Protein backbone atom coordinates (compact mmCIF):
# COMPACT_ATOMS: atom_id res chain seq x y z
CA UNK A 1 90.47 70.29 100.08
CA UNK A 2 92.39 70.73 96.80
CA UNK A 3 95.49 72.63 95.91
CA UNK A 4 95.89 76.39 95.77
CA UNK A 5 96.16 76.32 91.98
CA UNK A 6 92.43 77.00 91.61
CA UNK A 7 92.56 79.81 94.17
CA UNK A 8 95.53 81.85 92.97
CA UNK A 9 95.23 84.98 90.86
CA UNK A 10 96.62 84.81 87.34
CA UNK A 11 98.12 86.32 85.35
CA UNK A 12 100.67 87.95 87.62
CA UNK A 13 100.55 91.74 87.52
CA UNK A 14 103.91 93.47 87.86
CA UNK A 15 105.36 96.95 87.81
CA UNK A 16 108.87 98.40 87.42
CA UNK A 17 110.80 99.09 90.63
CA UNK A 18 111.31 102.72 89.67
CA UNK A 19 107.58 103.36 89.26
CA UNK A 20 106.08 105.54 91.96
CA UNK A 21 103.85 104.46 94.81
CA UNK A 22 101.01 106.42 93.22
CA UNK A 23 101.40 104.53 89.94
CA UNK A 24 101.36 101.25 91.86
CA UNK A 25 98.24 102.21 93.80
CA UNK A 26 96.50 103.22 90.57
CA UNK A 27 97.39 99.89 88.94
CA UNK A 28 96.18 97.94 91.98
CA UNK A 29 92.89 99.84 91.87
CA UNK A 30 92.50 99.32 88.12
CA UNK A 31 93.16 95.57 88.39
CA UNK A 32 91.27 95.21 91.72
CA UNK A 33 94.23 93.46 93.35
CA UNK A 34 96.06 93.87 96.65
CA UNK A 35 99.65 93.31 95.55
CA UNK A 36 102.08 93.69 92.69
CA UNK A 37 105.30 91.91 91.89
CA UNK A 38 108.06 94.44 91.38
CA UNK A 39 110.43 94.00 88.44
CA UNK A 40 114.00 95.16 88.13
CA UNK A 41 116.60 94.62 85.42
CA UNK A 42 117.13 90.98 86.40
CA UNK A 43 113.52 89.89 86.93
CA UNK A 44 111.38 90.14 90.05
CA UNK A 45 113.07 92.06 92.86
CA UNK A 46 110.24 92.36 95.38
CA UNK A 47 106.55 92.50 96.14
CA UNK A 48 104.36 95.44 97.09
CA UNK A 49 101.17 94.89 99.08
CA UNK A 50 98.53 97.36 100.20
CA UNK A 51 99.95 97.08 103.70
CA UNK A 52 103.32 98.38 102.45
CA UNK A 53 101.61 101.50 101.12
CA UNK A 54 100.12 102.15 104.55
CA UNK A 55 103.06 101.18 106.79
CA UNK A 56 106.00 102.35 104.68
CA UNK A 57 104.54 105.28 102.76
CA UNK A 58 101.54 106.93 104.40
CA UNK A 59 102.63 106.43 108.02
CA UNK A 60 106.07 107.85 107.18
CA UNK A 61 104.62 110.92 105.46
CA UNK A 62 106.24 110.11 102.09
CA UNK A 63 104.90 111.59 98.86
CA UNK A 64 103.29 108.86 96.73
CA UNK A 65 103.92 110.91 93.57
CA UNK A 66 107.70 110.80 94.02
CA UNK A 67 108.43 107.75 96.16
CA UNK A 68 109.86 104.87 94.08
CA UNK A 69 108.61 101.38 94.83
CA UNK A 70 112.15 100.21 95.43
CA UNK A 71 112.13 102.20 98.68
CA UNK A 72 108.87 100.78 100.09
CA UNK A 73 108.53 97.26 98.65
CA UNK A 74 109.30 94.03 100.47
CA UNK A 75 112.44 92.60 98.89
CA UNK A 76 111.76 89.04 100.02
CA UNK A 77 109.21 87.24 97.87
CA UNK A 78 107.89 84.28 99.82
CA UNK A 79 106.55 81.53 97.60
CA UNK A 80 104.73 78.23 97.72
CA UNK A 81 104.30 75.48 95.14
CA UNK A 82 100.99 75.48 93.28
CA UNK A 83 100.34 71.91 94.45
CA UNK A 84 100.37 72.98 98.10
CA UNK A 85 97.12 72.98 100.07
CA UNK A 86 95.22 76.05 101.22
CA UNK A 87 96.05 75.02 104.78
CA UNK A 88 99.79 75.03 104.04
CA UNK A 89 99.51 78.44 102.38
CA UNK A 90 97.52 79.86 105.30
CA UNK A 91 100.05 78.55 107.79
CA UNK A 92 102.93 80.12 105.88
CA UNK A 93 101.11 83.48 105.69
CA UNK A 94 100.39 83.34 109.41
CA UNK A 95 103.97 82.38 110.30
CA UNK A 96 105.44 85.32 108.37
CA UNK A 97 102.57 87.76 108.99
CA UNK A 98 101.99 88.38 105.30
CA UNK A 99 98.88 88.55 103.16
CA UNK A 100 100.28 87.55 99.74
CA UNK A 101 102.37 84.64 98.49
CA UNK A 102 103.90 84.03 95.09
CA UNK A 103 102.74 80.69 93.72
CA UNK A 104 105.37 78.77 91.79
CA UNK A 105 105.35 76.03 89.19
CA UNK A 106 108.73 74.50 88.34
CA UNK A 107 110.38 77.34 90.33
CA UNK A 108 108.76 80.04 88.13
CA UNK A 109 106.13 82.41 89.52
CA UNK A 110 102.77 81.36 88.07
CA UNK A 111 100.37 83.39 90.22
CA UNK A 112 99.71 85.22 93.46
CA UNK A 113 97.67 83.93 96.37
CA UNK A 114 96.16 86.31 98.92
CA UNK A 115 94.41 85.78 102.22
CA UNK A 116 91.31 87.12 100.46
CA UNK A 117 91.64 84.36 97.83
CA UNK A 118 91.82 81.73 100.57
CA UNK A 119 88.78 83.07 102.40
CA UNK A 120 86.51 83.78 99.44
CA UNK A 121 87.35 80.77 97.32
CA UNK A 122 87.06 78.28 100.20
CA UNK A 123 83.68 79.53 101.36
CA UNK A 124 80.62 77.56 100.37
CA UNK A 125 77.43 79.57 100.16
CA UNK A 126 74.09 77.90 100.88
């Protein structure tokens, strides 16, 4: 099995931290992706996944039209080197109960890897 470089999604799609949850959901739908990196004044400040929209927005009864991403995003961005294996990435996702990892090259974010990427891109169809 090779590295995750061929499985990650590029380019990285990001959104400003003061954008609303509705704007984020619309961008995710438009790009057909399950997460966005969230940018602040000093670079990336968090990550927003579909799960965050459900657990931190919908289940709390917040208004997606007015809720800023900064209040529902995950501030910790877990990452893995692009030369890591799919197995290493899967183990890290399982350990932290997350579905998306930032993929880094020379300590810069180069892509995003999702559980979906691991499943679909590792499957061989007969």
